[in-house]
Protein backbone atom coordinates (compact mmCIF):
# COMPACT_ATOMS: atom_id res chain seq x y z
CA UNK A 1 -65.14 -106.73 0.18
CA UNK A 2 -68.08 -109.13 0.46
CA UNK A 3 -68.30 -111.89 -2.09
CA UNK A 4 -70.98 -111.18 -4.73
CA UNK A 5 -74.19 -113.10 -4.24
CA UNK A 6 -74.42 -113.94 -7.94
CA UNK A 7 -72.56 -113.66 -11.22
CA UNK A 8 -74.33 -112.71 -14.43
CA UNK A 9 -73.91 -116.23 -15.76
CA UNK A 10 -75.41 -117.78 -12.60
CA UNK A 11 -78.50 -115.60 -12.95
CA UNK A 12 -78.85 -116.55 -16.62
CA UNK A 13 -78.53 -120.24 -15.76
CA UNK A 14 -81.00 -120.08 -12.86
CA UNK A 15 -83.65 -118.20 -14.84
CA UNK A 16 -83.15 -119.83 -18.23
CA UNK A 17 -82.68 -116.34 -19.66
CA UNK A 18 -80.36 -114.90 -22.26
CA UNK A 19 -77.77 -112.12 -21.99
CA UNK A 20 -74.90 -110.78 -24.09
CA UNK A 21 -72.92 -109.58 -21.06
CA UNK A 22 -69.68 -110.87 -19.51
CA UNK A 23 -70.51 -114.16 -17.78
CA UNK A 24 -68.29 -113.55 -14.72
CA UNK A 25 -69.63 -110.05 -14.02
CA UNK A 26 -70.41 -109.85 -10.27
CA UNK A 27 -73.90 -109.05 -8.97
CA UNK A 28 -73.96 -107.88 -5.33
CA UNK A 29 -77.59 -108.85 -4.74
CA UNK A 30 -81.05 -108.41 -6.18
CA UNK A 31 -83.68 -105.67 -5.87
CA UNK A 32 -87.19 -105.10 -7.19
CA UNK A 33 -87.30 -101.42 -6.18
CA UNK A 34 -85.23 -98.95 -8.18
CA UNK A 35 -85.60 -96.38 -5.37
CA UNK A 36 -83.63 -98.46 -2.86
CA UNK A 37 -81.35 -100.25 -5.31
CA UNK A 38 -77.67 -100.18 -4.36
CA UNK A 39 -74.98 -99.85 -7.02
CA UNK A 40 -73.87 -103.29 -8.16
CA UNK A 41 -77.19 -105.03 -7.47
CA UNK A 42 -79.35 -106.62 -10.12
CA UNK A 43 -82.83 -105.21 -10.78
CA UNK A 44 -85.76 -107.57 -11.39
CA UNK A 45 -88.59 -105.81 -13.23
CA UNK A 46 -91.69 -107.25 -11.53
CA UNK A 47 -95.18 -106.46 -12.77
CA UNK A 48 -97.25 -105.54 -9.70
CA UNK A 49 -100.90 -104.59 -9.25
CA UNK A 50 -100.13 -100.86 -9.34
CA UNK A 51 -97.00 -100.49 -11.45
CA UNK A 52 -94.78 -102.34 -13.88
CA UNK A 53 -91.11 -102.55 -12.92
CA UNK A 54 -90.15 -102.40 -16.60
CA UNK A 55 -90.92 -98.66 -16.44
CA UNK A 56 -87.97 -98.26 -14.04
CA UNK A 57 -85.32 -100.33 -15.81
CA UNK A 58 -83.59 -97.30 -17.31
CA UNK A 59 -83.47 -95.57 -13.91
CA UNK A 60 -82.04 -98.70 -12.29
CA UNK A 61 -79.30 -99.01 -14.88
CA UNK A 62 -78.46 -95.31 -14.54
CA UNK A 63 -78.12 -95.84 -10.76
CA UNK A 64 -75.48 -98.49 -11.37
CA UNK A 65 -77.45 -101.73 -11.49
CA UNK A 66 -75.18 -104.60 -12.52
CA UNK A 67 -78.01 -106.01 -14.64
CA UNK A 68 -81.76 -105.95 -15.13
CA UNK A 69 -83.98 -109.02 -15.49
CA UNK A 70 -86.70 -108.18 -18.03
CA UNK A 71 -89.32 -109.92 -20.14
CA UNK A 72 -88.19 -111.01 -23.59
CA UNK A 73 -90.28 -108.36 -25.36
CA UNK A 74 -88.68 -105.47 -23.47
CA UNK A 75 -87.34 -102.84 -25.93
CA UNK A 76 -83.68 -103.11 -26.87
CA UNK A 77 -81.24 -101.14 -24.77
CA UNK A 78 -78.06 -101.95 -22.86
CA UNK A 79 -78.01 -105.57 -24.06
CA UNK A 80 -74.91 -106.46 -22.05
CA UNK A 81 -76.79 -105.76 -18.83
CA UNK A 82 -80.25 -107.02 -19.83
CA UNK A 83 -81.19 -110.60 -18.94
CA UNK A 84 -84.26 -111.51 -20.97
CA UNK A 85 -86.68 -114.10 -19.54
CA UNK A 86 -90.16 -115.37 -20.32
CA UNK A 87 -91.70 -113.96 -17.13
CA UNK A 88 -89.89 -111.89 -14.49
CA UNK A 89 -91.92 -113.16 -11.50
CA UNK A 90 -91.20 -116.75 -12.53
CA UNK A 91 -87.54 -115.76 -12.92
CA UNK A 92 -87.51 -114.32 -9.39
CA UNK A 93 -88.98 -117.59 -8.07
CA UNK A 94 -86.32 -119.52 -9.97
CA UNK A 95 -83.62 -117.38 -8.35
CA UNK A 96 -85.18 -118.02 -4.95
CA UNK A 97 -85.14 -121.77 -5.54
CA UNK A 98 -81.54 -121.61 -6.74
CA UNK A 99 -80.53 -119.54 -3.72
CA UNK A 100 -82.12 -122.09 -1.39
CA UNK A 101 -80.66 -125.08 -3.27
CA UNK A 102 -77.07 -123.90 -2.86
CA UNK A 103 -77.52 -123.30 0.90
CA UNK A 104 -76.39 -126.83 1.74
CA UNK A 105 -74.80 -125.92 5.08
CA UNK A 106 -77.44 -123.40 6.20
CA UNK A 107 -80.01 -124.06 8.94
CA UNK A 108 -83.18 -122.63 7.42
CA UNK A 109 -85.99 -121.34 9.66
CA UNK A 110 -89.48 -120.23 8.64
CA UNK A 111 -91.82 -118.15 10.80
CA UNK A 112 -95.56 -117.58 10.42
CA UNK A 113 -98.48 -116.76 12.70
CA UNK A 114 -101.40 -114.38 13.01
CA UNK A 115 -99.31 -112.09 15.24
CA UNK A 116 -95.60 -111.66 15.91
CA UNK A 117 -94.02 -112.93 12.69
CA UNK A 118 -91.72 -109.99 12.07
CA UNK A 119 -90.80 -109.50 15.73
CA UNK A 120 -89.92 -113.19 16.07
CA UNK A 121 -87.87 -113.07 12.89
CA UNK A 122 -85.93 -110.08 14.21
CA UNK A 123 -85.40 -111.77 17.59
CA UNK A 124 -83.98 -114.79 15.75
CA UNK A 125 -81.66 -112.54 13.78
CA UNK A 126 -80.41 -111.06 17.06
CA UNK A 127 -80.04 -114.31 19.01
CA UNK A 128 -78.43 -116.40 16.27
CA UNK A 129 -75.84 -113.76 15.34
CA UNK A 130 -73.39 -114.62 18.18
CA UNK A 131 -73.16 -118.16 16.77
CA UNK A 132 -72.62 -117.43 13.08
CA UNK A 133 -73.69 -115.47 10.02
CA UNK A 134 -77.43 -114.79 9.78
CA UNK A 135 -79.47 -113.87 6.72
CA UNK A 136 -83.06 -112.80 7.40
CA UNK A 137 -85.74 -111.32 5.20
CA UNK A 138 -85.92 -107.54 5.48
CA UNK A 139 -88.97 -105.62 6.69
CA UNK A 140 -92.05 -107.81 6.17
CA UNK A 141 -90.92 -109.46 2.94
CA UNK A 142 -93.24 -112.43 3.46
CA UNK A 143 -95.32 -112.76 0.28
CA UNK A 144 -95.06 -114.22 -3.23
CA UNK A 145 -92.30 -111.81 -4.25
CA UNK A 146 -90.74 -111.02 -0.86
CA UNK A 147 -89.89 -114.63 -0.01
CA UNK A 148 -88.13 -115.54 -3.29
CA UNK A 149 -86.31 -112.21 -3.22
CA UNK A 150 -85.09 -112.91 0.33
CA UNK A 151 -83.96 -116.41 -0.63
CA UNK A 152 -82.21 -115.12 -3.72
CA UNK A 153 -80.27 -112.59 -1.64
CA UNK A 154 -78.96 -115.17 0.85
CA UNK A 155 -75.13 -115.35 0.69
CA UNK A 156 -73.73 -118.79 -0.09
CA UNK A 157 -71.85 -119.11 3.23
CA UNK A 158 -74.82 -118.19 5.49
CA UNK A 159 -75.05 -120.36 8.63
CA UNK A 160 -78.62 -119.42 9.61
CA UNK A 161 -81.39 -118.30 7.24
CA UNK A 162 -84.59 -116.86 8.72
CA UNK A 163 -87.64 -116.26 6.55
CA UNK A 164 -91.12 -114.93 7.25
CA UNK A 165 -94.21 -116.36 5.53
CA UNK A 166 -97.50 -114.47 5.49
CA UNK A 167 -100.91 -115.02 3.98
CA UNK A 168 -104.50 -113.86 3.80
CA UNK A 169 -105.80 -116.73 1.66
CA UNK A 170 -105.51 -120.50 1.87
CA UNK A 171 -102.72 -121.97 -0.26
CA UNK A 172 -100.38 -118.99 -0.06
CA UNK A 173 -98.12 -120.38 2.68
CA UNK A 174 -98.07 -123.75 0.93
CA UNK A 175 -96.32 -122.15 -2.06
CA UNK A 176 -93.95 -120.12 0.13
CA UNK A 177 -92.85 -122.99 2.39
CA UNK A 178 -92.02 -125.14 -0.61
CA UNK A 179 -89.64 -122.39 -1.69
CA UNK A 180 -88.14 -121.94 1.78
CA UNK A 181 -87.89 -125.68 2.62
CA UNK A 182 -87.19 -124.98 6.31
CA UNK A 183 -85.52 -127.27 8.81
CA UNK A 184 -87.48 -125.51 11.59
CA UNK A 185 -90.96 -123.98 11.21
CA UNK A 186 -92.56 -121.74 13.86
CA UNK A 187 -96.22 -120.78 14.23
CA UNK A 188 -96.36 -117.99 16.81
CA UNK A 189 -100.13 -118.07 17.31
CA UNK A 190 -103.48 -118.35 15.53
CA UNK A 191 -106.02 -115.55 15.90
CA UNK A 192 -109.12 -114.16 14.12
CA UNK A 193 -107.20 -112.34 11.39
CA UNK A 194 -108.27 -112.13 7.72
CA UNK A 195 -111.71 -113.49 8.65
CA UNK A 196 -112.97 -111.70 5.57
CA UNK A 197 -111.30 -114.51 3.57
CA UNK A 198 -111.98 -117.47 5.90
CA UNK A 199 -115.15 -118.98 7.37
CA UNK A 200 -113.61 -119.69 10.78
CA UNK A 201 -110.46 -119.40 12.90
CA UNK A 202 -110.06 -123.16 12.43
CA UNK A 203 -109.61 -122.53 8.72
CA UNK A 204 -106.99 -119.90 9.54
CA UNK A 205 -105.16 -122.50 11.67
CA UNK A 206 -105.21 -124.94 8.76
CA UNK A 207 -103.81 -122.28 6.44
CA UNK A 208 -101.00 -121.44 8.89
CA UNK A 209 -100.22 -125.16 9.23
CA UNK A 210 -99.38 -125.25 5.53
CA UNK A 211 -95.90 -124.14 6.64
CA UNK A 212 -95.19 -127.71 7.77
CA UNK A 213 -95.66 -129.07 4.25
CA UNK A 214 -92.31 -127.66 3.17
CA UNK A 215 -90.31 -128.98 6.13
CA UNK A 216 -87.15 -130.85 5.26
CA UNK A 217 -86.98 -134.49 6.31
CA UNK A 218 -86.49 -134.69 10.09
CA UNK A 219 -87.63 -131.08 10.55
CA UNK A 220 -89.06 -129.52 13.69
CA UNK A 221 -92.42 -127.79 14.19
CA UNK A 222 -92.47 -125.19 16.99
CA UNK A 223 -96.06 -124.48 18.08
CA UNK A 224 -97.70 -122.30 20.74
CA UNK A 225 -98.68 -124.83 23.45
CA UNK A 226 -101.10 -122.34 25.04
CA UNK A 227 -103.10 -121.86 21.84
CA UNK A 228 -106.56 -123.46 21.71
CA UNK A 229 -105.53 -124.66 18.23
CA UNK A 230 -102.37 -126.44 19.42
CA UNK A 231 -103.73 -129.96 18.86
CA UNK A 232 -105.02 -129.02 15.42
CA UNK A 233 -101.64 -127.58 14.41
CA UNK A 234 -99.80 -130.54 15.96
CA UNK A 235 -101.90 -132.95 13.87
CA UNK A 236 -100.84 -131.16 10.68
CA UNK A 237 -97.19 -131.19 11.76
CA UNK A 238 -97.24 -134.90 12.56
CA UNK A 239 -98.67 -135.64 9.11
CA UNK A 240 -95.62 -133.83 7.70
CA UNK A 241 -93.31 -136.07 9.77
CA UNK A 242 -92.17 -133.26 12.06
CA UNK A 243 -90.78 -133.39 15.57
CA UNK A 244 -93.07 -131.30 17.78
CA UNK A 245 -91.84 -128.66 20.24
CA UNK A 246 -94.44 -126.69 22.19
CA UNK A 247 -93.76 -123.35 23.83
CA UNK A 248 -95.71 -121.42 26.44
CA UNK A 249 -96.88 -121.63 30.04
CA UNK A 250 -98.64 -125.01 29.79
CA UNK A 251 -97.17 -127.89 31.82
CA UNK A 252 -96.45 -129.91 28.70
CA UNK A 253 -94.49 -127.20 26.88
CA UNK A 254 -90.94 -128.21 25.97
CA UNK A 255 -89.96 -124.51 26.00
CA UNK A 256 -91.80 -123.45 29.14
CA UNK A 257 -92.24 -120.15 30.93
CA UNK A 258 -91.52 -120.64 34.62
CA UNK A 259 -91.77 -117.06 35.88
CA UNK A 260 -91.89 -113.55 34.43
CA UNK A 261 -91.70 -109.99 35.74
CA UNK A 262 -93.27 -107.49 33.31
CA UNK A 263 -92.09 -103.85 33.15
CA UNK A 264 -92.96 -100.89 30.90
CA UNK A 265 -89.65 -101.20 29.05
CA UNK A 266 -88.96 -104.94 29.15
CA UNK A 267 -89.27 -108.19 31.10
CA UNK A 268 -87.23 -110.53 33.28
CA UNK A 269 -87.85 -114.17 32.41
CA UNK A 270 -87.14 -117.57 33.92
CA UNK A 271 -87.78 -120.45 31.54
CA UNK A 272 -86.89 -124.03 30.81
CA UNK A 273 -85.75 -124.45 27.21
CA UNK A 274 -85.76 -128.09 26.17
CA UNK A 275 -84.46 -129.17 29.59
CA UNK A 276 -82.10 -126.24 30.16
CA UNK A 277 -83.04 -123.72 32.89
CA UNK A 278 -82.57 -120.27 31.36
CA UNK A 279 -82.88 -116.76 32.81
CA UNK A 280 -82.80 -113.66 30.65
CA UNK A 281 -84.03 -110.11 30.19
CA UNK A 282 -86.04 -108.85 27.23
CA UNK A 283 -85.29 -105.30 26.08
CA UNK A 284 -88.84 -104.72 24.81
CA UNK A 285 -92.08 -104.93 26.83
CA UNK A 286 -95.10 -107.21 26.57
CA UNK A 287 -96.16 -110.70 27.64
CA UNK A 288 -96.66 -111.60 23.97
CA UNK A 289 -92.94 -110.98 23.34
CA UNK A 290 -92.09 -113.16 26.34
CA UNK A 291 -94.16 -115.96 24.81
CA UNK A 292 -92.45 -115.65 21.44
CA UNK A 293 -89.00 -115.48 23.05
CA UNK A 294 -89.57 -119.07 24.22
CA UNK A 295 -90.02 -120.14 20.59
CA UNK A 296 -86.93 -118.16 19.63
CA UNK A 297 -84.71 -119.82 22.23
CA UNK A 298 -86.09 -123.27 21.40
CA UNK A 299 -85.16 -122.61 17.78
CA UNK A 300 -81.68 -121.47 18.78
CA UNK A 301 -81.05 -124.72 20.65
CA UNK A 302 -82.44 -126.93 17.90
CA UNK A 303 -80.40 -125.05 15.28
CA UNK A 304 -77.18 -125.85 17.16
CA UNK A 305 -76.47 -122.27 18.19
CA UNK A 306 -75.27 -121.14 21.63
CA UNK A 307 -78.29 -120.89 23.95
CA UNK A 308 -76.50 -118.89 26.64
CA UNK A 309 -75.26 -116.25 24.20
CA UNK A 310 -78.70 -116.08 22.60
CA UNK A 311 -80.42 -115.52 25.94
CA UNK A 312 -78.01 -112.70 26.76
CA UNK A 313 -78.63 -111.12 23.35
CA UNK A 314 -82.35 -110.73 24.07
CA UNK A 315 -81.60 -107.78 26.35
CA UNK A 316 -80.78 -105.92 23.13
CA UNK A 317 -84.21 -106.57 21.62
CA UNK A 318 -85.97 -103.31 20.89
CA UNK A 319 -89.42 -102.56 19.52
CA UNK A 320 -89.43 -101.38 15.91
CA UNK A 321 -91.12 -98.37 14.35
CA UNK A 322 -94.79 -99.20 13.87
CA UNK A 323 -94.44 -102.23 16.15
CA UNK A 324 -94.19 -100.75 19.62
CA UNK A 325 -91.32 -98.27 19.31
CA UNK A 326 -91.45 -95.82 22.21
CA UNK A 327 -90.51 -92.13 21.91
CA UNK A 328 -90.11 -89.80 24.89
CA UNK A 329 -90.49 -86.07 24.32
CA UNK A 330 -90.18 -83.14 26.69
CA UNK A 331 -88.22 -82.38 29.82
CA UNK A 332 -88.04 -84.81 32.73
CA UNK A 333 -90.96 -83.24 34.60
CA UNK A 334 -93.04 -82.52 31.47
CA UNK A 335 -92.70 -85.71 29.46
CA UNK A 336 -95.00 -87.20 26.89
CA UNK A 337 -94.54 -90.75 25.58
CA UNK A 338 -95.65 -92.06 22.19
CA UNK A 339 -95.93 -95.82 21.59
CA UNK A 340 -95.97 -96.42 17.84
CA UNK A 341 -98.01 -99.54 17.01
CA UNK A 342 -99.24 -98.07 13.73
CA UNK A 343 -98.00 -100.72 11.29
CA UNK A 344 -100.92 -103.11 11.61
CA UNK A 345 -103.62 -104.45 13.91
CA UNK A 346 -105.89 -107.39 14.56
CA UNK A 347 -107.80 -108.41 17.70
CA UNK A 348 -104.89 -110.37 19.18
CA UNK A 349 -102.24 -107.72 18.58
CA UNK A 350 -104.62 -104.99 19.75
CA UNK A 351 -105.20 -106.80 23.05
CA UNK A 352 -101.44 -107.27 23.48
CA UNK A 353 -100.75 -103.58 22.77
CA UNK A 354 -103.41 -102.45 25.25
CA UNK A 355 -101.99 -104.77 27.91
CA UNK A 356 -98.51 -103.31 27.32
CA UNK A 357 -99.91 -99.77 27.61
CA UNK A 358 -101.40 -100.86 30.93
CA UNK A 359 -97.90 -101.62 32.28
CA UNK A 360 -97.03 -97.91 32.32
CA UNK A 361 -96.87 -96.83 35.99
CA UNK A 362 -99.02 -93.93 37.16
CA UNK A 363 -95.97 -92.52 38.90
CA UNK A 364 -94.40 -91.92 35.48
CA UNK A 365 -97.42 -90.85 33.42
CA UNK A 366 -100.76 -89.79 34.85
CA UNK A 367 -102.91 -90.63 31.78
CA UNK A 368 -102.94 -93.67 29.52
CA UNK A 369 -104.27 -92.71 26.09
CA UNK A 370 -105.25 -95.17 23.34
CA UNK A 371 -105.58 -93.94 19.74
CA UNK A 372 -107.18 -96.69 17.67
CA UNK A 373 -108.00 -97.17 14.01
CA UNK A 374 -110.06 -99.85 12.28
CA UNK A 375 -108.87 -103.45 12.27
CA UNK A 376 -109.51 -104.55 8.68
CA UNK A 377 -110.27 -107.86 6.91
CA UNK A 378 -112.37 -109.22 9.80
CA UNK A 379 -115.47 -109.99 7.75
CA UNK A 380 -118.96 -110.16 9.34
CA UNK A 381 -117.45 -110.40 12.84
CA UNK A 382 -115.73 -107.03 12.50
CA UNK A 383 -118.14 -104.91 14.50
CA UNK A 384 -118.39 -107.44 17.33
CA UNK A 385 -114.60 -107.81 17.54
CA UNK A 386 -114.17 -104.04 17.73
CA UNK A 387 -116.79 -103.69 20.46
CA UNK A 388 -115.11 -106.50 22.38
CA UNK A 389 -112.00 -104.35 22.87
CA UNK A 390 -113.87 -102.33 25.52
CA UNK A 391 -113.16 -105.08 28.06
CA UNK A 392 -109.40 -104.91 27.40
CA UNK A 393 -109.36 -101.12 27.48
CA UNK A 394 -110.91 -101.34 30.92
CA UNK A 395 -108.47 -104.08 32.00
CA UNK A 396 -105.49 -101.98 30.93
CA UNK A 397 -106.71 -98.96 32.91
CA UNK A 398 -106.83 -96.77 29.80
CA UNK A 399 -108.08 -93.29 30.74
CA UNK A 400 -109.18 -91.91 27.38
CA UNK A 401 -109.68 -93.32 23.89
CA UNK A 402 -109.52 -91.58 20.51
CA UNK A 403 -110.75 -93.56 17.51
CA UNK A 404 -111.18 -93.27 13.76
CA UNK A 405 -112.92 -95.43 11.20
CA UNK A 406 -116.40 -96.88 10.79
CA UNK A 407 -115.70 -100.05 12.78
CA UNK A 408 -114.00 -98.23 15.64
CA UNK A 409 -117.13 -96.10 15.86
CA UNK A 410 -118.91 -99.15 17.29
CA UNK A 411 -116.23 -99.46 19.99
CA UNK A 412 -116.53 -95.75 20.77
CA UNK A 413 -120.25 -96.14 21.45
CA UNK A 414 -119.53 -99.11 23.75
CA UNK A 415 -117.22 -97.01 25.95
CA UNK A 416 -118.40 -95.03 28.96
CA UNK A 417 -118.64 -91.29 28.30
CA UNK A 418 -115.75 -90.63 30.68
CA UNK A 419 -113.38 -92.58 28.40
CA UNK A 420 -114.43 -91.01 25.10
CA UNK A 421 -111.79 -88.63 23.77
CA UNK A 422 -112.89 -88.05 20.16
CA UNK A 423 -114.18 -89.92 17.12
CA UNK A 424 -113.56 -89.15 13.45
CA UNK A 425 -114.20 -91.00 10.20
CA UNK A 426 -110.53 -90.82 9.16
CA UNK A 427 -107.14 -90.42 10.82
CA UNK A 428 -106.68 -87.13 8.95
CA UNK A 429 -109.82 -85.73 10.57
CA UNK A 430 -108.80 -87.06 13.98
CA UNK A 431 -105.28 -85.58 13.95
CA UNK A 432 -106.03 -81.95 14.97
CA UNK A 433 -108.42 -83.03 17.72
CA UNK A 434 -105.89 -85.50 19.09
CA UNK A 435 -102.88 -83.18 19.23
CA UNK A 436 -104.99 -80.49 20.89
CA UNK A 437 -106.30 -82.86 23.58
CA UNK A 438 -103.08 -84.55 24.75
CA UNK A 439 -99.98 -83.19 26.43
CA UNK A 440 -97.26 -83.70 29.05
CA UNK A 441 -98.08 -86.47 31.50
CA UNK A 442 -99.72 -88.61 28.80
CA UNK A 443 -98.50 -91.92 27.41
CA UNK A 444 -100.16 -92.34 24.01
CA UNK A 445 -100.42 -95.65 22.15
CA UNK A 446 -101.37 -95.42 18.45
CA UNK A 447 -102.55 -98.58 16.67
CA UNK A 448 -104.63 -99.66 13.69
CA UNK A 449 -104.48 -101.64 10.46
CA UNK A 450 -102.16 -100.31 7.78
CA UNK A 451 -105.16 -99.22 5.71
CA UNK A 452 -106.38 -97.08 8.61
CA UNK A 453 -103.36 -94.78 8.13
CA UNK A 454 -102.39 -94.36 11.76
CA UNK A 455 -98.69 -93.61 11.13
CA UNK A 456 -99.45 -89.96 10.19
CA UNK A 457 -100.95 -89.53 13.67
CA UNK A 458 -97.65 -90.63 15.21
CA UNK A 459 -95.82 -88.10 13.06
CA UNK A 460 -98.34 -85.37 13.95
CA UNK A 461 -97.74 -85.98 17.66
CA UNK A 462 -93.97 -85.89 17.20
CA UNK A 463 -94.18 -82.64 15.25
CA UNK A 464 -96.45 -81.05 17.83
CA UNK A 465 -94.46 -81.97 20.92
CA UNK A 466 -91.01 -82.59 19.47
CA UNK A 467 -90.84 -79.06 18.04
CA UNK A 468 -91.23 -77.52 21.47
CA UNK A 469 -88.84 -79.68 23.47
CA UNK A 470 -86.02 -82.09 22.73
CA UNK A 471 -86.35 -85.85 23.09
CA UNK A 472 -84.95 -87.37 26.25
């Protein structure tokens, strides 16, 4: 049986709370969602913008929660399992700080970037595992509650801790990195994302560079050497006293791509990682993943893990649901492929997804279909950035495009008539037209910002074609 992450008394001490329960009572971990809480975990009742976790305390305790962290004015109940604090979000942050403070023998890694944070985090989880125990934040737990929760759930004997830091406003990463206190900090890339909250991409670069402020003494900054903002990011890292490692195709990159062969289902890579020639295969497609794999392997080497085992592990990298997962439906001679990129979108990730769609050989699928929803939070540049995708659609050899959303309407008008599949204001309105227009022989990539609700289109396609024939 795994050692409990906390005891009741440790939580009380870390949060400055009060509790009448048995001090040595074990707590398997912490949760802020009563729906996914596992028996034996502690429940932290966070007040969010849409709901108050205090409304779910009773349900959490009924499901077997070891304890519940609540505000002091919470009504009386199971006092032996209630830890009363002044503010539950502050208590969660205190638990995150305590979890980080006791990780004295853990190499802590933080990842940020406009694109590729979660994929890079998952690649680090995969590549570090052969060398020791890894704790990484789940899903995209990269904000003001996800980061402290992830830190608080890190087991005491973890060898490698990997944490994702996200933002859409200046100052947010600054607070997160000071919780994480990484030994290694990665910025995957800087792109025009969240321009609705920034005046320029340079300001976005500065906000991403906040991650270096939390670096431990002697820490390492891993930066995309091919980015036009490399020197700007490097300047921030040097001010923080960091050692700089660049990754990419540029001559000066310490983790450098030497050669790559791109395929629809993966890549073969030759690279030089901090002086070590390294060849490996990636189990997921896309040049952007090849780029980020250089940062991953550089991190592995700096963290003291086994580089050779890590490189071999990358063949097991697979795209996740919403982030490039590929589903094949139908018989061998009547196949349809669905590429699920529905989790989120910005100009950089959209270009990368279109390029990956373009890798699909005509011998396998006769039509390349792009289904695109609005990219949100782009500010005044939104319409121009959407229209600009026409060039990349053409470069990827996309045959037909279906779009939804006001901003994607501007792209639709910029496309030649031969490429226009259908336009609708919402994904719900687009769904019936899409499923009627596609079929066997098509590879269909679905992508848009989370608020564009593209995931239901993926499910509609699976229902339509999965019901008739089995997956292969």
